[in-house]
Amino acid sequence: MKWLKLFEDFKQNNEEGDLLKQEDIIKCIEKGGIMYATIVQEIPENDPKEALKAIDIDEDGLITVEQNNKIGYVKIEDVEKIEF
């Protein structure tokens, strides 16, 4: 049971970017989790190894994120992994 819990709290996107779903991002937001992304619009100096706080997600899968008091936007297919 311990291994199942670890898997539920950590999901990593595959190369096609279709493993993570909107429901996963919503859970991350509700639980105050973090995410990592390769491309963040409005934050060009983004380091993919630095955590982002997910704030909101729209119907098209565009996620509003915060990093160092800056607001940016991430497409769901650009999310590498989430932790919550």
PDB file of N, CA and C in Angstrom:
ATOM      1  N   MET A   1       0.826  -1.196   0.000  1.00  0.00           N
ATOM      2  CA  MET A   1       0.000   0.000   0.000  1.00  0.00           C
ATOM      3  C   MET A   1       0.870   1.259   0.000  1.00  0.00           C
ATOM      4  N   LYS A   2       2.023   1.191   0.613  1.00  0.00           N
ATOM      5  CA  LYS A   2       2.906   2.344   0.664  1.00  0.00           C
ATOM      6  C   LYS A   2       3.335   2.776  -0.743  1.00  0.00           C
ATOM      7  N   TRP A   3       3.626   1.833  -1.609  1.00  0.00           N
ATOM      8  CA  TRP A   3       4.081   2.164  -2.963  1.00  0.00           C
ATOM      9  C   TRP A   3       2.977   2.828  -3.773  1.00  0.00           C
ATOM     10  N   LEU A   4       1.771   2.390  -3.591  1.00  0.00           N
ATOM     11  CA  LEU A   4       0.642   2.997  -4.284  1.00  0.00           C
ATOM     12  C   LEU A   4       0.469   4.447  -3.875  1.00  0.00           C
ATOM     13  N   LYS A   5       0.614   4.749  -2.613  1.00  0.00           N
ATOM     14  CA  LYS A   5       0.485   6.123  -2.116  1.00  0.00           C
ATOM     15  C   LYS A   5       1.562   7.004  -2.737  1.00  0.00           C
ATOM     16  N   LEU A   6       2.789   6.509  -2.822  1.00  0.00           N
ATOM     17  CA  LEU A   6       3.858   7.293  -3.435  1.00  0.00           C
ATOM     18  C   LEU A   6       3.539   7.600  -4.892  1.00  0.00           C
ATOM     19  N   PHE A   7       3.002   6.651  -5.617  1.00  0.00           N
ATOM     20  CA  PHE A   7       2.663   6.877  -7.013  1.00  0.00           C
ATOM     21  C   PHE A   7       1.556   7.914  -7.162  1.00  0.00           C
ATOM     22  N   GLU A   8       0.584   7.895  -6.268  1.00  0.00           N
ATOM     23  CA  GLU A   8      -0.516   8.848  -6.342  1.00  0.00           C
ATOM     24  C   GLU A   8      -0.047  10.276  -6.094  1.00  0.00           C
ATOM     25  N   ASP A   9       0.980  10.444  -5.275  1.00  0.00           N
ATOM     26  CA  ASP A   9       1.449  11.774  -4.920  1.00  0.00           C
ATOM     27  C   ASP A   9       2.469  12.337  -5.897  1.00  0.00           C
ATOM     28  N   PHE A  10       2.841  11.582  -6.908  1.00  0.00           N
ATOM     29  CA  PHE A  10       3.856  12.030  -7.852  1.00  0.00           C
ATOM     30  C   PHE A  10       3.514  11.469  -9.228  1.00  0.00           C
ATOM     31  N   LYS A  11       3.335  12.328 -10.182  1.00  0.00           N
ATOM     32  CA  LYS A  11       3.067  11.892 -11.552  1.00  0.00           C
ATOM     33  C   LYS A  11       3.997  12.623 -12.486  1.00  0.00           C
ATOM     34  N   GLN A  12       4.523  11.905 -13.451  1.00  0.00           N
ATOM     35  CA  GLN A  12       5.432  12.509 -14.417  1.00  0.00           C
ATOM     36  C   GLN A  12       4.824  12.362 -15.806  1.00  0.00           C
ATOM     37  N   ASN A  13       4.921  13.425 -16.587  1.00  0.00           N
ATOM     38  CA  ASN A  13       4.376  13.430 -17.932  1.00  0.00           C
ATOM     39  C   ASN A  13       5.264  12.598 -18.852  1.00  0.00           C
ATOM     40  N   ASN A  14       4.666  11.980 -19.851  1.00  0.00           N
ATOM     41  CA  ASN A  14       5.468  11.260 -20.824  1.00  0.00           C
ATOM     42  C   ASN A  14       5.899  12.201 -21.955  1.00  0.00           C
ATOM     43  N   GLU A  15       6.639  11.701 -22.903  1.00  0.00           N
ATOM     44  CA  GLU A  15       7.188  12.551 -23.960  1.00  0.00           C
ATOM     45  C   GLU A  15       6.098  13.193 -24.827  1.00  0.00           C
ATOM     46  N   GLU A  16       4.990  12.502 -25.016  1.00  0.00           N
ATOM     47  CA  GLU A  16       3.907  13.058 -25.834  1.00  0.00           C
ATOM     48  C   GLU A  16       3.113  14.111 -25.080  1.00  0.00           C
ATOM     49  N   GLY A  17       3.301  14.194 -23.773  1.00  0.00           N
ATOM     50  CA  GLY A  17       2.609  15.196 -22.976  1.00  0.00           C
ATOM     51  C   GLY A  17       1.152  14.900 -22.722  1.00  0.00           C
ATOM     52  N   ASP A  18       0.769  13.620 -22.794  1.00  0.00           N
ATOM     53  CA  ASP A  18      -0.644  13.299 -22.616  1.00  0.00           C
ATOM     54  C   ASP A  18      -0.929  12.419 -21.402  1.00  0.00           C
ATOM     55  N   LEU A  19       0.053  12.220 -20.529  1.00  0.00           N
ATOM     56  CA  LEU A  19      -0.189  11.409 -19.341  1.00  0.00           C
ATOM     57  C   LEU A  19      -0.921  12.203 -18.263  1.00  0.00           C
ATOM     58  N   LEU A  20      -0.521  13.447 -18.055  1.00  0.00           N
ATOM     59  CA  LEU A  20      -1.182  14.290 -17.066  1.00  0.00           C
ATOM     60  C   LEU A  20      -2.485  14.836 -17.634  1.00  0.00           C
ATOM     61  N   LYS A  21      -3.499  14.803 -16.827  1.00  0.00           N
ATOM     62  CA  LYS A  21      -4.819  15.300 -17.232  1.00  0.00           C
ATOM     63  C   LYS A  21      -5.181  16.514 -16.395  1.00  0.00           C
ATOM     64  N   GLN A  22      -6.229  17.229 -16.803  1.00  0.00           N
ATOM     65  CA  GLN A  22      -6.682  18.401 -16.060  1.00  0.00           C
ATOM     66  C   GLN A  22      -7.045  18.040 -14.621  1.00  0.00           C
ATOM     67  N   GLU A  23      -7.590  16.854 -14.414  1.00  0.00           N
ATOM     68  CA  GLU A  23      -7.962  16.424 -13.069  1.00  0.00           C
ATOM     69  C   GLU A  23      -6.730  16.353 -12.159  1.00  0.00           C
ATOM     70  N   ASP A  24      -5.585  15.936 -12.717  1.00  0.00           N
ATOM     71  CA  ASP A  24      -4.348  15.864 -11.935  1.00  0.00           C
ATOM     72  C   ASP A  24      -3.886  17.261 -11.526  1.00  0.00           C
ATOM     73  N   ILE A  25      -3.999  18.223 -12.437  1.00  0.00           N
ATOM     74  CA  ILE A  25      -3.602  19.598 -12.137  1.00  0.00           C
ATOM     75  C   ILE A  25      -4.542  20.195 -11.084  1.00  0.00           C
ATOM     76  N   ILE A  26      -5.835  19.904 -11.193  1.00  0.00           N
ATOM     77  CA  ILE A  26      -6.806  20.398 -10.211  1.00  0.00           C
ATOM     78  C   ILE A  26      -6.482  19.846  -8.822  1.00  0.00           C
ATOM     79  N   LYS A  27      -6.138  18.554  -8.730  1.00  0.00           N
ATOM     80  CA  LYS A  27      -5.749  17.964  -7.445  1.00  0.00           C
ATOM     81  C   LYS A  27      -4.507  18.665  -6.896  1.00  0.00           C
ATOM     82  N   CYS A  28      -3.558  18.948  -7.776  1.00  0.00           N
ATOM     83  CA  CYS A  28      -2.329  19.629  -7.363  1.00  0.00           C
ATOM     84  C   CYS A  28      -2.657  21.013  -6.791  1.00  0.00           C
ATOM     85  N   ILE A  29      -3.550  21.740  -7.434  1.00  0.00           N
ATOM     86  CA  ILE A  29      -3.953  23.067  -6.957  1.00  0.00           C
ATOM     87  C   ILE A  29      -4.651  22.953  -5.603  1.00  0.00           C
ATOM     88  N   GLU A  30      -5.607  22.023  -5.498  1.00  0.00           N
ATOM     89  CA  GLU A  30      -6.376  21.865  -4.262  1.00  0.00           C
ATOM     90  C   GLU A  30      -5.502  21.467  -3.078  1.00  0.00           C
ATOM     91  N   LYS A  31      -4.470  20.655  -3.323  1.00  0.00           N
ATOM     92  CA  LYS A  31      -3.618  20.171  -2.241  1.00  0.00           C
ATOM     93  C   LYS A  31      -2.401  21.055  -2.016  1.00  0.00           C
ATOM     94  N   GLY A  32      -2.296  22.152  -2.760  1.00  0.00           N
ATOM     95  CA  GLY A  32      -1.172  23.066  -2.576  1.00  0.00           C
ATOM     96  C   GLY A  32       0.142  22.497  -3.070  1.00  0.00           C
ATOM     97  N   GLY A  33       0.081  21.653  -4.099  1.00  0.00           N
ATOM     98  CA  GLY A  33       1.280  21.012  -4.623  1.00  0.00           C
ATOM     99  C   GLY A  33       2.091  21.917  -5.533  1.00  0.00           C
ATOM    100  N   ILE A  34       3.154  21.345  -6.068  1.00  0.00           N
ATOM    101  CA  ILE A  34       4.034  22.076  -6.981  1.00  0.00           C
ATOM    102  C   ILE A  34       4.161  21.311  -8.285  1.00  0.00           C
ATOM    103  N   MET A  35       4.667  22.009  -9.297  1.00  0.00           N
ATOM    104  CA  MET A  35       4.869  21.381 -10.590  1.00  0.00           C
ATOM    105  C   MET A  35       6.155  21.902 -11.213  1.00  0.00           C
ATOM    106  N   TYR A  36       6.627  21.183 -12.194  1.00  0.00           N
ATOM    107  CA  TYR A  36       7.827  21.559 -12.927  1.00  0.00           C
ATOM    108  C   TYR A  36       7.477  21.573 -14.409  1.00  0.00           C
ATOM    109  N   ALA A  37       7.953  22.596 -15.127  1.00  0.00           N
ATOM    110  CA  ALA A  37       7.630  22.723 -16.542  1.00  0.00           C
ATOM    111  C   ALA A  37       8.842  23.213 -17.316  1.00  0.00           C
ATOM    112  N   THR A  38       8.898  22.828 -18.581  1.00  0.00           N
ATOM    113  CA  THR A  38      10.010  23.233 -19.430  1.00  0.00           C
ATOM    114  C   THR A  38       9.824  24.630 -19.993  1.00  0.00           C
ATOM    115  N   ILE A  39       8.608  24.973 -20.357  1.00  0.00           N
ATOM    116  CA  ILE A  39       8.327  26.274 -20.971  1.00  0.00           C
ATOM    117  C   ILE A  39       7.260  26.992 -20.154  1.00  0.00           C
ATOM    118  N   VAL A  40       7.578  28.220 -19.730  1.00  0.00           N
ATOM    119  CA  VAL A  40       6.620  29.044 -18.991  1.00  0.00           C
ATOM    120  C   VAL A  40       6.503  30.375 -19.717  1.00  0.00           C
ATOM    121  N   GLN A  41       5.323  30.646 -20.269  1.00  0.00           N
ATOM    122  CA  GLN A  41       5.086  31.929 -20.935  1.00  0.00           C
ATOM    123  C   GLN A  41       5.098  33.027 -19.879  1.00  0.00           C
ATOM    124  N   GLU A  42       5.648  34.157 -20.199  1.00  0.00           N
ATOM    125  CA  GLU A  42       5.767  35.328 -19.325  1.00  0.00           C
ATOM    126  C   GLU A  42       6.918  35.214 -18.321  1.00  0.00           C
ATOM    127  N   ILE A  43       7.558  34.048 -18.219  1.00  0.00           N
ATOM    128  CA  ILE A  43       8.740  33.885 -17.360  1.00  0.00           C
ATOM    129  C   ILE A  43       9.825  33.212 -18.207  1.00  0.00           C
ATOM    130  N   PRO A  44      10.452  33.947 -19.115  1.00  0.00           N
ATOM    131  CA  PRO A  44      11.427  33.330 -20.028  1.00  0.00           C
ATOM    132  C   PRO A  44      12.668  32.787 -19.323  1.00  0.00           C
ATOM    133  N   GLU A  45      12.995  33.310 -18.145  1.00  0.00           N
ATOM    134  CA  GLU A  45      14.184  32.849 -17.429  1.00  0.00           C
ATOM    135  C   GLU A  45      13.891  31.626 -16.556  1.00  0.00           C
ATOM    136  N   ASN A  46      12.777  30.964 -16.795  1.00  0.00           N
ATOM    137  CA  ASN A  46      12.379  29.803 -16.003  1.00  0.00           C
ATOM    138  C   ASN A  46      13.446  28.708 -16.037  1.00  0.00           C
ATOM    139  N   ASP A  47      13.778  28.189 -14.857  1.00  0.00           N
ATOM    140  CA  ASP A  47      14.654  27.036 -14.734  1.00  0.00           C
ATOM    141  C   ASP A  47      13.750  25.815 -14.575  1.00  0.00           C
ATOM    142  N   PRO A  48      13.806  24.845 -15.488  1.00  0.00           N
ATOM    143  CA  PRO A  48      12.918  23.677 -15.396  1.00  0.00           C
ATOM    144  C   PRO A  48      13.056  22.879 -14.101  1.00  0.00           C
ATOM    145  N   LYS A  49      14.149  23.092 -13.364  1.00  0.00           N
ATOM    146  CA  LYS A  49      14.347  22.377 -12.102  1.00  0.00           C
ATOM    147  C   LYS A  49      13.784  23.135 -10.915  1.00  0.00           C
ATOM    148  N   GLU A  50      13.271  24.354 -11.152  1.00  0.00           N
ATOM    149  CA  GLU A  50      12.693  25.154 -10.074  1.00  0.00           C
ATOM    150  C   GLU A  50      11.177  24.955 -10.041  1.00  0.00           C
ATOM    151  N   ALA A  51      10.659  24.760  -8.845  1.00  0.00           N
ATOM    152  CA  ALA A  51       9.232  24.457  -8.672  1.00  0.00           C
ATOM    153  C   ALA A  51       8.350  25.650  -9.009  1.00  0.00           C
ATOM    154  N   LEU A  52       7.180  25.343  -9.531  1.00  0.00           N
ATOM    155  CA  LEU A  52       6.149  26.331  -9.835  1.00  0.00           C
ATOM    156  C   LEU A  52       4.926  26.010  -8.989  1.00  0.00           C
ATOM    157  N   LYS A  53       4.244  27.040  -8.522  1.00  0.00           N
ATOM    158  CA  LYS A  53       2.995  26.836  -7.784  1.00  0.00           C
ATOM    159  C   LYS A  53       1.839  27.037  -8.753  1.00  0.00           C
ATOM    160  N   ALA A  54       1.038  25.996  -8.941  1.00  0.00           N
ATOM    161  CA  ALA A  54      -0.127  26.087  -9.819  1.00  0.00           C
ATOM    162  C   ALA A  54      -1.231  26.862  -9.116  1.00  0.00           C
ATOM    163  N   ILE A  55      -1.812  27.830  -9.827  1.00  0.00           N
ATOM    164  CA  ILE A  55      -2.860  28.670  -9.254  1.00  0.00           C
ATOM    165  C   ILE A  55      -4.225  28.346  -9.850  1.00  0.00           C
ATOM    166  N   ASP A  56      -4.266  28.132 -11.182  1.00  0.00           N
ATOM    167  CA  ASP A  56      -5.543  27.942 -11.863  1.00  0.00           C
ATOM    168  C   ASP A  56      -5.297  27.193 -13.168  1.00  0.00           C
ATOM    169  N   ILE A  57      -6.339  26.565 -13.687  1.00  0.00           N
ATOM    170  CA  ILE A  57      -6.277  25.924 -15.004  1.00  0.00           C
ATOM    171  C   ILE A  57      -7.572  26.237 -15.740  1.00  0.00           C
ATOM    172  N   ASP A  58      -7.448  26.581 -17.022  1.00  0.00           N
ATOM    173  CA  ASP A  58      -8.664  26.877 -17.791  1.00  0.00           C
ATOM    174  C   ASP A  58      -9.101  25.635 -18.570  1.00  0.00           C
ATOM    175  N   GLU A  59     -10.192  25.764 -19.301  1.00  0.00           N
ATOM    176  CA  GLU A  59     -10.779  24.630 -20.014  1.00  0.00           C
ATOM    177  C   GLU A  59      -9.893  24.098 -21.133  1.00  0.00           C
ATOM    178  N   ASP A  60      -8.978  24.930 -21.633  1.00  0.00           N
ATOM    179  CA  ASP A  60      -8.088  24.522 -22.716  1.00  0.00           C
ATOM    180  C   ASP A  60      -6.789  23.905 -22.215  1.00  0.00           C
ATOM    181  N   GLY A  61      -6.626  23.783 -20.905  1.00  0.00           N
ATOM    182  CA  GLY A  61      -5.425  23.191 -20.339  1.00  0.00           C
ATOM    183  C   GLY A  61      -4.288  24.174 -20.129  1.00  0.00           C
ATOM    184  N   LEU A  62      -4.565  25.476 -20.158  1.00  0.00           N
ATOM    185  CA  LEU A  62      -3.546  26.482 -19.880  1.00  0.00           C
ATOM    186  C   LEU A  62      -3.540  26.741 -18.375  1.00  0.00           C
ATOM    187  N   ILE A  63      -2.384  26.528 -17.757  1.00  0.00           N
ATOM    188  CA  ILE A  63      -2.258  26.604 -16.302  1.00  0.00           C
ATOM    189  C   ILE A  63      -1.605  27.921 -15.907  1.00  0.00           C
ATOM    190  N   THR A  64      -2.226  28.632 -14.979  1.00  0.00           N
ATOM    191  CA  THR A  64      -1.621  29.839 -14.414  1.00  0.00           C
ATOM    192  C   THR A  64      -0.743  29.401 -13.251  1.00  0.00           C
ATOM    193  N   VAL A  65       0.524  29.857 -13.282  1.00  0.00           N
ATOM    194  CA  VAL A  65       1.482  29.461 -12.255  1.00  0.00           C
ATOM    195  C   VAL A  65       2.162  30.686 -11.654  1.00  0.00           C
ATOM    196  N   GLU A  66       2.761  30.478 -10.482  1.00  0.00           N
ATOM    197  CA  GLU A  66       3.522  31.537  -9.826  1.00  0.00           C
ATOM    198  C   GLU A  66       4.914  31.007  -9.508  1.00  0.00           C
ATOM    199  N   GLN A  67       5.910  31.858  -9.759  1.00  0.00           N
ATOM    200  CA  GLN A  67       7.290  31.532  -9.420  1.00  0.00           C
ATOM    201  C   GLN A  67       7.997  32.821  -9.018  1.00  0.00           C
ATOM    202  N   ASN A  68       8.489  32.886  -7.800  1.00  0.00           N
ATOM    203  CA  ASN A  68       9.187  34.081  -7.298  1.00  0.00           C
ATOM    204  C   ASN A  68       8.359  35.353  -7.488  1.00  0.00           C
ATOM    205  N   ASN A  69       7.082  35.285  -7.118  1.00  0.00           N
ATOM    206  CA  ASN A  69       6.143  36.409  -7.220  1.00  0.00           C
ATOM    207  C   ASN A  69       5.899  36.878  -8.648  1.00  0.00           C
ATOM    208  N   LYS A  70       6.176  36.044  -9.638  1.00  0.00           N
ATOM    209  CA  LYS A  70       5.875  36.334 -11.037  1.00  0.00           C
ATOM    210  C   LYS A  70       4.804  35.361 -11.500  1.00  0.00           C
ATOM    211  N   ILE A  71       3.877  35.864 -12.295  1.00  0.00           N
ATOM    212  CA  ILE A  71       2.796  35.045 -12.833  1.00  0.00           C
ATOM    213  C   ILE A  71       3.153  34.640 -14.261  1.00  0.00           C
ATOM    214  N   GLY A  72       2.961  33.357 -14.560  1.00  0.00           N
ATOM    215  CA  GLY A  72       3.221  32.844 -15.896  1.00  0.00           C
ATOM    216  C   GLY A  72       2.153  31.843 -16.285  1.00  0.00           C
ATOM    217  N   TYR A  73       2.286  31.314 -17.490  1.00  0.00           N
ATOM    218  CA  TYR A  73       1.296  30.377 -18.025  1.00  0.00           C
ATOM    219  C   TYR A  73       2.010  29.191 -18.638  1.00  0.00           C
ATOM    220  N   VAL A  74       1.473  28.003 -18.385  1.00  0.00           N
ATOM    221  CA  VAL A  74       2.075  26.766 -18.869  1.00  0.00           C
ATOM    222  C   VAL A  74       1.006  25.940 -19.563  1.00  0.00           C
ATOM    223  N   LYS A  75       1.327  25.421 -20.747  1.00  0.00           N
ATOM    224  CA  LYS A  75       0.437  24.473 -21.413  1.00  0.00           C
ATOM    225  C   LYS A  75       0.589  23.133 -20.709  1.00  0.00           C
ATOM    226  N   ILE A  76      -0.499  22.400 -20.595  1.00  0.00           N
ATOM    227  CA  ILE A  76      -0.471  21.144 -19.850  1.00  0.00           C
ATOM    228  C   ILE A  76       0.543  20.164 -20.446  1.00  0.00           C
ATOM    229  N   GLU A  77       0.773  20.209 -21.751  1.00  0.00           N
ATOM    230  CA  GLU A  77       1.742  19.299 -22.355  1.00  0.00           C
ATOM    231  C   GLU A  77       3.195  19.690 -22.051  1.00  0.00           C
ATOM    232  N   ASP A  78       3.426  20.904 -21.535  1.00  0.00           N
ATOM    233  CA  ASP A  78       4.773  21.338 -21.153  1.00  0.00           C
ATOM    234  C   ASP A  78       5.111  21.028 -19.703  1.00  0.00           C
ATOM    235  N   VAL A  79       4.163  20.475 -18.966  1.00  0.00           N
ATOM    236  CA  VAL A  79       4.394  20.106 -17.567  1.00  0.00           C
ATOM    237  C   VAL A  79       5.191  18.802 -17.544  1.00  0.00           C
ATOM    238  N   GLU A  80       6.327  18.822 -16.845  1.00  0.00           N
ATOM    239  CA  GLU A  80       7.142  17.607 -16.745  1.00  0.00           C
ATOM    240  C   GLU A  80       6.643  16.702 -15.641  1.00  0.00           C
ATOM    241  N   LYS A  81       6.380  17.278 -14.447  1.00  0.00           N
ATOM    242  CA  LYS A  81       5.868  16.473 -13.343  1.00  0.00           C
ATOM    243  C   LYS A  81       5.168  17.365 -12.331  1.00  0.00           C
ATOM    244  N   ILE A  82       4.340  16.708 -11.515  1.00  0.00           N
ATOM    245  CA  ILE A  82       3.656  17.407 -10.442  1.00  0.00           C
ATOM    246  C   ILE A  82       3.873  16.613  -9.149  1.00  0.00           C
ATOM    247  N   GLU A  83       3.871  17.337  -8.039  1.00  0.00           N
ATOM    248  CA  GLU A  83       4.001  16.717  -6.725  1.00  0.00           C
ATOM    249  C   GLU A  83       2.969  17.359  -5.799  1.00  0.00           C
ATOM    250  N   PHE A  84       2.226  16.517  -5.093  1.00  0.00           N
ATOM    251  CA  PHE A  84       1.257  17.030  -4.123  1.00  0.00           C
ATOM    252  C   PHE A  84       1.081  16.067  -2.991  1.00  0.00           C
TER     253      PHE A  84
END
